């Protein structure tokens, strides 16, 4: 049983079917996340602490991160 409690789904990014970068699987669990950058004061504040989402490969668990626009 998966630790992730969602059903895996296909994902599309900018009109392209997403395939896992590690295993080329095409089913993912979608999660919302938040980037907390320890060095945010040294970085662009517009980038730091932004809402993100990630797609976790249902096969190998590789996490693909995407920033919200």
PDB file of N, CA and C in Angstrom:
ATOM      1  N   UNK A   1       0.838  -1.185   0.000  1.00  0.00           N
ATOM      2  CA  UNK A   1       0.000   0.000   0.000  1.00  0.00           C
ATOM      3  C   UNK A   1       0.881   1.246   0.000  1.00  0.00           C
ATOM      4  N   UNK A   2       0.520   2.187  -0.823  1.00  0.00           N
ATOM      5  CA  UNK A   2       1.296   3.408  -0.951  1.00  0.00           C
ATOM      6  C   UNK A   2       1.125   4.310   0.274  1.00  0.00           C
ATOM      7  N   UNK A   3       2.187   5.009   0.639  1.00  0.00           N
ATOM      8  CA  UNK A   3       2.122   5.988   1.713  1.00  0.00           C
ATOM      9  C   UNK A   3       1.279   7.182   1.258  1.00  0.00           C
ATOM     10  N   UNK A   4       1.274   7.424  -0.044  1.00  0.00           N
ATOM     11  CA  UNK A   4       0.495   8.518  -0.614  1.00  0.00           C
ATOM     12  C   UNK A   4      -0.958   8.066  -0.740  1.00  0.00           C
ATOM     13  N   UNK A   5      -1.882   8.883  -0.271  1.00  0.00           N
ATOM     14  CA  UNK A   5      -3.273   8.460  -0.190  1.00  0.00           C
ATOM     15  C   UNK A   5      -4.124   8.883  -1.376  1.00  0.00           C
ATOM     16  N   UNK A   6      -3.513   9.415  -2.418  1.00  0.00           N
ATOM     17  CA  UNK A   6      -4.264   9.802  -3.603  1.00  0.00           C
ATOM     18  C   UNK A   6      -4.131   8.715  -4.662  1.00  0.00           C
ATOM     19  N   UNK A   7      -5.057   8.733  -5.589  1.00  0.00           N
ATOM     20  CA  UNK A   7      -4.943   7.828  -6.736  1.00  0.00           C
ATOM     21  C   UNK A   7      -3.940   8.428  -7.717  1.00  0.00           C
ATOM     22  N   UNK A   8      -3.060   7.621  -8.290  1.00  0.00           N
ATOM     23  CA  UNK A   8      -2.120   8.153  -9.275  1.00  0.00           C
ATOM     24  C   UNK A   8      -2.861   8.561 -10.548  1.00  0.00           C
ATOM     25  N   UNK A   9      -2.423   9.657 -11.141  1.00  0.00           N
ATOM     26  CA  UNK A   9      -3.041  10.181 -12.359  1.00  0.00           C
ATOM     27  C   UNK A   9      -1.963  10.571 -13.357  1.00  0.00           C
ATOM     28  N   UNK A  10      -2.354  10.662 -14.619  1.00  0.00           N
ATOM     29  CA  UNK A  10      -1.458  11.177 -15.653  1.00  0.00           C
ATOM     30  C   UNK A  10      -1.335  12.686 -15.446  1.00  0.00           C
ATOM     31  N   UNK A  11      -0.222  13.258 -15.847  1.00  0.00           N
ATOM     32  CA  UNK A  11       0.001  14.699 -15.684  1.00  0.00           C
ATOM     33  C   UNK A  11       0.461  15.298 -16.999  1.00  0.00           C
ATOM     34  N   UNK A  12       0.028  16.520 -17.227  1.00  0.00           N
ATOM     35  CA  UNK A  12       0.411  17.250 -18.427  1.00  0.00           C
ATOM     36  C   UNK A  12       1.010  18.581 -18.007  1.00  0.00           C
ATOM     37  N   UNK A  13       2.172  18.918 -18.562  1.00  0.00           N
ATOM     38  CA  UNK A  13       2.854  20.169 -18.271  1.00  0.00           C
ATOM     39  C   UNK A  13       3.042  20.910 -19.582  1.00  0.00           C
ATOM     40  N   UNK A  14       2.461  22.107 -19.682  1.00  0.00           N
ATOM     41  CA  UNK A  14       2.539  22.914 -20.906  1.00  0.00           C
ATOM     42  C   UNK A  14       2.161  22.107 -22.149  1.00  0.00           C
ATOM     43  N   UNK A  15       1.115  21.307 -22.036  1.00  0.00           N
ATOM     44  CA  UNK A  15       0.616  20.554 -23.178  1.00  0.00           C
ATOM     45  C   UNK A  15       1.362  19.271 -23.491  1.00  0.00           C
ATOM     46  N   UNK A  16       2.341  18.918 -22.659  1.00  0.00           N
ATOM     47  CA  UNK A  16       3.139  17.707 -22.879  1.00  0.00           C
ATOM     48  C   UNK A  16       2.874  16.694 -21.778  1.00  0.00           C
ATOM     49  N   UNK A  17       2.682  15.432 -22.169  1.00  0.00           N
ATOM     50  CA  UNK A  17       2.497  14.360 -21.197  1.00  0.00           C
ATOM     51  C   UNK A  17       3.782  14.199 -20.395  1.00  0.00           C
ATOM     52  N   UNK A  18       3.667  14.262 -19.064  1.00  0.00           N
ATOM     53  CA  UNK A  18       4.851  14.114 -18.212  1.00  0.00           C
ATOM     54  C   UNK A  18       5.197  12.644 -18.048  1.00  0.00           C
ATOM     55  N   UNK A  19       6.477  12.362 -18.192  1.00  0.00           N
ATOM     56  CA  UNK A  19       7.022  11.035 -17.893  1.00  0.00           C
ATOM     57  C   UNK A  19       8.090  11.232 -16.833  1.00  0.00           C
ATOM     58  N   UNK A  20       8.145  10.316 -15.891  1.00  0.00           N
ATOM     59  CA  UNK A  20       9.124  10.414 -14.823  1.00  0.00           C
ATOM     60  C   UNK A  20      10.537  10.505 -15.414  1.00  0.00           C
ATOM     61  N   UNK A  21      11.326  11.413 -14.871  1.00  0.00           N
ATOM     62  CA  UNK A  21      12.694  11.583 -15.349  1.00  0.00           C
ATOM     63  C   UNK A  21      13.592  10.391 -15.031  1.00  0.00           C
ATOM     64  N   UNK A  22      13.206   9.603 -14.035  1.00  0.00           N
ATOM     65  CA  UNK A  22      14.028   8.459 -13.643  1.00  0.00           C
ATOM     66  C   UNK A  22      13.608   7.164 -14.339  1.00  0.00           C
ATOM     67  N   UNK A  23      12.299   6.868 -14.332  1.00  0.00           N
ATOM     68  CA  UNK A  23      11.861   5.551 -14.816  1.00  0.00           C
ATOM     69  C   UNK A  23      10.891   5.628 -15.991  1.00  0.00           C
ATOM     70  N   UNK A  24      10.518   6.821 -16.409  1.00  0.00           N
ATOM     71  CA  UNK A  24       9.624   7.060 -17.549  1.00  0.00           C
ATOM     72  C   UNK A  24       8.184   6.607 -17.316  1.00  0.00           C
ATOM     73  N   UNK A  25       7.818   6.352 -16.068  1.00  0.00           N
ATOM     74  CA  UNK A  25       6.439   6.005 -15.724  1.00  0.00           C
ATOM     75  C   UNK A  25       5.556   7.233 -15.947  1.00  0.00           C
ATOM     76  N   UNK A  26       4.257   7.045 -16.155  1.00  0.00           N
ATOM     77  CA  UNK A  26       3.367   8.153 -16.503  1.00  0.00           C
ATOM     78  C   UNK A  26       2.237   8.396 -15.506  1.00  0.00           C
ATOM     79  N   UNK A  27       2.343   7.869 -14.291  1.00  0.00           N
ATOM     80  CA  UNK A  27       1.314   8.094 -13.281  1.00  0.00           C
ATOM     81  C   UNK A  27       1.947   8.726 -12.042  1.00  0.00           C
ATOM     82  N   UNK A  28       1.273   9.743 -11.495  1.00  0.00           N
ATOM     83  CA  UNK A  28       1.842  10.545 -10.410  1.00  0.00           C
ATOM     84  C   UNK A  28       0.802  10.850  -9.339  1.00  0.00           C
ATOM     85  N   UNK A  29       1.301  11.117  -8.138  1.00  0.00           N
ATOM     86  CA  UNK A  29       0.491  11.622  -7.037  1.00  0.00           C
ATOM     87  C   UNK A  29       0.809  13.106  -6.926  1.00  0.00           C
ATOM     88  N   UNK A  30      -0.220  13.955  -6.916  1.00  0.00           N
ATOM     89  CA  UNK A  30       0.001  15.398  -6.839  1.00  0.00           C
ATOM     90  C   UNK A  30      -0.061  15.851  -5.386  1.00  0.00           C
ATOM     91  N   UNK A  31       0.900  16.701  -5.005  1.00  0.00           N
ATOM     92  CA  UNK A  31       0.985  17.251  -3.651  1.00  0.00           C
ATOM     93  C   UNK A  31       1.274  18.748  -3.717  1.00  0.00           C
ATOM     94  N   UNK A  32       0.661  19.507  -2.837  1.00  0.00           N
ATOM     95  CA  UNK A  32       1.017  20.920  -2.671  1.00  0.00           C
ATOM     96  C   UNK A  32       2.170  20.981  -1.682  1.00  0.00           C
ATOM     97  N   UNK A  33       3.009  21.982  -1.848  1.00  0.00           N
ATOM     98  CA  UNK A  33       4.131  22.131  -0.941  1.00  0.00           C
ATOM     99  C   UNK A  33       4.475  23.599  -0.835  1.00  0.00           C
ATOM    100  N   UNK A  34       5.465  23.876  -0.034  1.00  0.00           N
ATOM    101  CA  UNK A  34       5.917  25.244   0.172  1.00  0.00           C
ATOM    102  C   UNK A  34       7.433  25.213   0.260  1.00  0.00           C
ATOM    103  N   UNK A  35       8.084  26.066  -0.499  1.00  0.00           N
ATOM    104  CA  UNK A  35       9.540  26.120  -0.464  1.00  0.00           C
ATOM    105  C   UNK A  35       9.952  27.088   0.643  1.00  0.00           C
ATOM    106  N   UNK A  36      10.627  26.578   1.644  1.00  0.00           N
ATOM    107  CA  UNK A  36      11.181  27.406   2.709  1.00  0.00           C
ATOM    108  C   UNK A  36      12.688  27.400   2.541  1.00  0.00           C
ATOM    109  N   UNK A  37      13.228  28.515   2.175  1.00  0.00           N
ATOM    110  CA  UNK A  37      14.653  28.606   1.885  1.00  0.00           C
ATOM    111  C   UNK A  37      15.382  29.221   3.073  1.00  0.00           C
ATOM    112  N   UNK A  38      16.306  28.475   3.632  1.00  0.00           N
ATOM    113  CA  UNK A  38      17.053  28.956   4.798  1.00  0.00           C
ATOM    114  C   UNK A  38      17.847  30.218   4.476  1.00  0.00           C
ATOM    115  N   UNK A  39      18.325  30.315   3.256  1.00  0.00           N
ATOM    116  CA  UNK A  39      19.127  31.480   2.871  1.00  0.00           C
ATOM    117  C   UNK A  39      18.302  32.477   2.076  1.00  0.00           C
ATOM    118  N   UNK A  40      17.011  32.601   2.387  1.00  0.00           N
ATOM    119  CA  UNK A  40      16.127  33.445   1.592  1.00  0.00           C
ATOM    120  C   UNK A  40      16.564  34.904   1.554  1.00  0.00           C
ATOM    121  N   UNK A  41      17.238  35.375   2.586  1.00  0.00           N
ATOM    122  CA  UNK A  41      17.689  36.770   2.589  1.00  0.00           C
ATOM    123  C   UNK A  41      18.771  37.006   1.540  1.00  0.00           C
ATOM    124  N   UNK A  42      19.514  35.972   1.191  1.00  0.00           N
ATOM    125  CA  UNK A  42      20.563  36.114   0.185  1.00  0.00           C
ATOM    126  C   UNK A  42      20.038  35.852  -1.222  1.00  0.00           C
ATOM    127  N   UNK A  43      18.797  35.391  -1.299  1.00  0.00           N
ATOM    128  CA  UNK A  43      18.226  35.054  -2.596  1.00  0.00           C
ATOM    129  C   UNK A  43      17.166  36.077  -2.981  1.00  0.00           C
ATOM    130  N   UNK A  44      16.663  35.945  -4.166  1.00  0.00           N
ATOM    131  CA  UNK A  44      15.587  36.791  -4.656  1.00  0.00           C
ATOM    132  C   UNK A  44      14.339  36.542  -3.801  1.00  0.00           C
ATOM    133  N   UNK A  45      13.825  37.532  -3.094  1.00  0.00           N
ATOM    134  CA  UNK A  45      12.659  37.315  -2.224  1.00  0.00           C
ATOM    135  C   UNK A  45      11.405  36.920  -3.000  1.00  0.00           C
ATOM    136  N   UNK A  46      11.327  37.230  -4.287  1.00  0.00           N
ATOM    137  CA  UNK A  46      10.175  36.811  -5.089  1.00  0.00           C
ATOM    138  C   UNK A  46      10.178  35.308  -5.289  1.00  0.00           C
ATOM    139  N   UNK A  47      11.339  34.677  -5.229  1.00  0.00           N
ATOM    140  CA  UNK A  47      11.441  33.228  -5.417  1.00  0.00           C
ATOM    141  C   UNK A  47      11.249  32.487  -4.104  1.00  0.00           C
ATOM    142  N   UNK A  48      11.774  33.029  -3.038  1.00  0.00           N
ATOM    143  CA  UNK A  48      11.756  32.340  -1.747  1.00  0.00           C
ATOM    144  C   UNK A  48      10.344  32.252  -1.184  1.00  0.00           C
ATOM    145  N   UNK A  49      10.069  31.169  -0.464  1.00  0.00           N
ATOM    146  CA  UNK A  49       8.801  30.952   0.224  1.00  0.00           C
ATOM    147  C   UNK A  49       7.593  30.998  -0.712  1.00  0.00           C
ATOM    148  N   UNK A  50       7.726  30.422  -1.891  1.00  0.00           N
ATOM    149  CA  UNK A  50       6.620  30.383  -2.844  1.00  0.00           C
ATOM    150  C   UNK A  50       5.861  29.072  -2.736  1.00  0.00           C
ATOM    151  N   UNK A  51       4.592  29.145  -3.084  1.00  0.00           N
ATOM    152  CA  UNK A  51       3.758  27.948  -3.142  1.00  0.00           C
ATOM    153  C   UNK A  51       4.217  27.099  -4.333  1.00  0.00           C
ATOM    154  N   UNK A  52       4.323  25.815  -4.120  1.00  0.00           N
ATOM    155  CA  UNK A  52       4.745  24.910  -5.168  1.00  0.00           C
ATOM    156  C   UNK A  52       3.829  23.692  -5.175  1.00  0.00           C
ATOM    157  N   UNK A  53       3.977  22.895  -6.185  1.00  0.00           N
ATOM    158  CA  UNK A  53       3.353  21.591  -6.150  1.00  0.00           C
ATOM    159  C   UNK A  53       4.357  20.590  -6.673  1.00  0.00           C
ATOM    160  N   UNK A  54       4.185  19.363  -6.265  1.00  0.00           N
ATOM    161  CA  UNK A  54       5.087  18.332  -6.736  1.00  0.00           C
ATOM    162  C   UNK A  54       4.270  17.139  -7.210  1.00  0.00           C
ATOM    163  N   UNK A  55       4.840  16.437  -8.149  1.00  0.00           N
ATOM    164  CA  UNK A  55       4.256  15.214  -8.671  1.00  0.00           C
ATOM    165  C   UNK A  55       5.205  14.085  -8.302  1.00  0.00           C
ATOM    166  N   UNK A  56       4.697  13.136  -7.544  1.00  0.00           N
ATOM    167  CA  UNK A  56       5.505  12.021  -7.066  1.00  0.00           C
ATOM    168  C   UNK A  56       5.213  10.816  -7.946  1.00  0.00           C
ATOM    169  N   UNK A  57       6.242  10.275  -8.568  1.00  0.00           N
ATOM    170  CA  UNK A  57       6.072   9.126  -9.450  1.00  0.00           C
ATOM    171  C   UNK A  57       5.488   7.948  -8.666  1.00  0.00           C
ATOM    172  N   UNK A  58       4.431   7.359  -9.205  1.00  0.00           N
ATOM    173  CA  UNK A  58       3.780   6.227  -8.553  1.00  0.00           C
ATOM    174  C   UNK A  58       4.651   4.973  -8.583  1.00  0.00           C
ATOM    175  N   UNK A  59       5.585   4.902  -9.522  1.00  0.00           N
ATOM    176  CA  UNK A  59       6.417   3.711  -9.657  1.00  0.00           C
ATOM    177  C   UNK A  59       7.680   3.770  -8.801  1.00  0.00           C
ATOM    178  N   UNK A  60       8.467   4.852  -8.953  1.00  0.00           N
ATOM    179  CA  UNK A  60       9.766   4.893  -8.260  1.00  0.00           C
ATOM    180  C   UNK A  60       9.841   5.915  -7.132  1.00  0.00           C
ATOM    181  N   UNK A  61       8.855   6.818  -7.031  1.00  0.00           N
ATOM    182  CA  UNK A  61       8.847   7.795  -5.949  1.00  0.00           C
ATOM    183  C   UNK A  61       9.644   9.060  -6.218  1.00  0.00           C
ATOM    184  N   UNK A  62      10.218   9.194  -7.414  1.00  0.00           N
ATOM    185  CA  UNK A  62      10.967  10.409  -7.743  1.00  0.00           C
ATOM    186  C   UNK A  62      10.023  11.601  -7.673  1.00  0.00           C
ATOM    187  N   UNK A  63      10.466  12.709  -7.064  1.00  0.00           N
ATOM    188  CA  UNK A  63       9.625  13.890  -6.884  1.00  0.00           C
ATOM    189  C   UNK A  63       9.997  14.937  -7.923  1.00  0.00           C
ATOM    190  N   UNK A  64       8.988  15.365  -8.688  1.00  0.00           N
ATOM    191  CA  UNK A  64       9.141  16.421  -9.691  1.00  0.00           C
ATOM    192  C   UNK A  64       8.504  17.679  -9.107  1.00  0.00           C
ATOM    193  N   UNK A  65       9.293  18.756  -8.930  1.00  0.00           N
ATOM    194  CA  UNK A  65       8.811  19.991  -8.300  1.00  0.00           C
ATOM    195  C   UNK A  65       8.462  21.028  -9.362  1.00  0.00           C
ATOM    196  N   UNK A  66       7.393  21.775  -9.113  1.00  0.00           N
ATOM    197  CA  UNK A  66       6.954  22.838 -10.023  1.00  0.00           C
ATOM    198  C   UNK A  66       6.526  24.029  -9.186  1.00  0.00           C
ATOM    199  N   UNK A  67       6.936  25.232  -9.599  1.00  0.00           N
ATOM    200  CA  UNK A  67       6.527  26.452  -8.906  1.00  0.00           C
ATOM    201  C   UNK A  67       5.243  26.963  -9.537  1.00  0.00           C
ATOM    202  N   UNK A  68       4.346  27.470  -8.695  1.00  0.00           N
ATOM    203  CA  UNK A  68       3.111  28.074  -9.189  1.00  0.00           C
ATOM    204  C   UNK A  68       3.445  29.401  -9.855  1.00  0.00           C
ATOM    205  N   UNK A  69       2.668  29.734 -10.851  1.00  0.00           N
ATOM    206  CA  UNK A  69       2.890  31.012 -11.546  1.00  0.00           C
ATOM    207  C   UNK A  69       2.155  32.115 -10.855  1.00  0.00           C
TER     208      UNK A  69
END
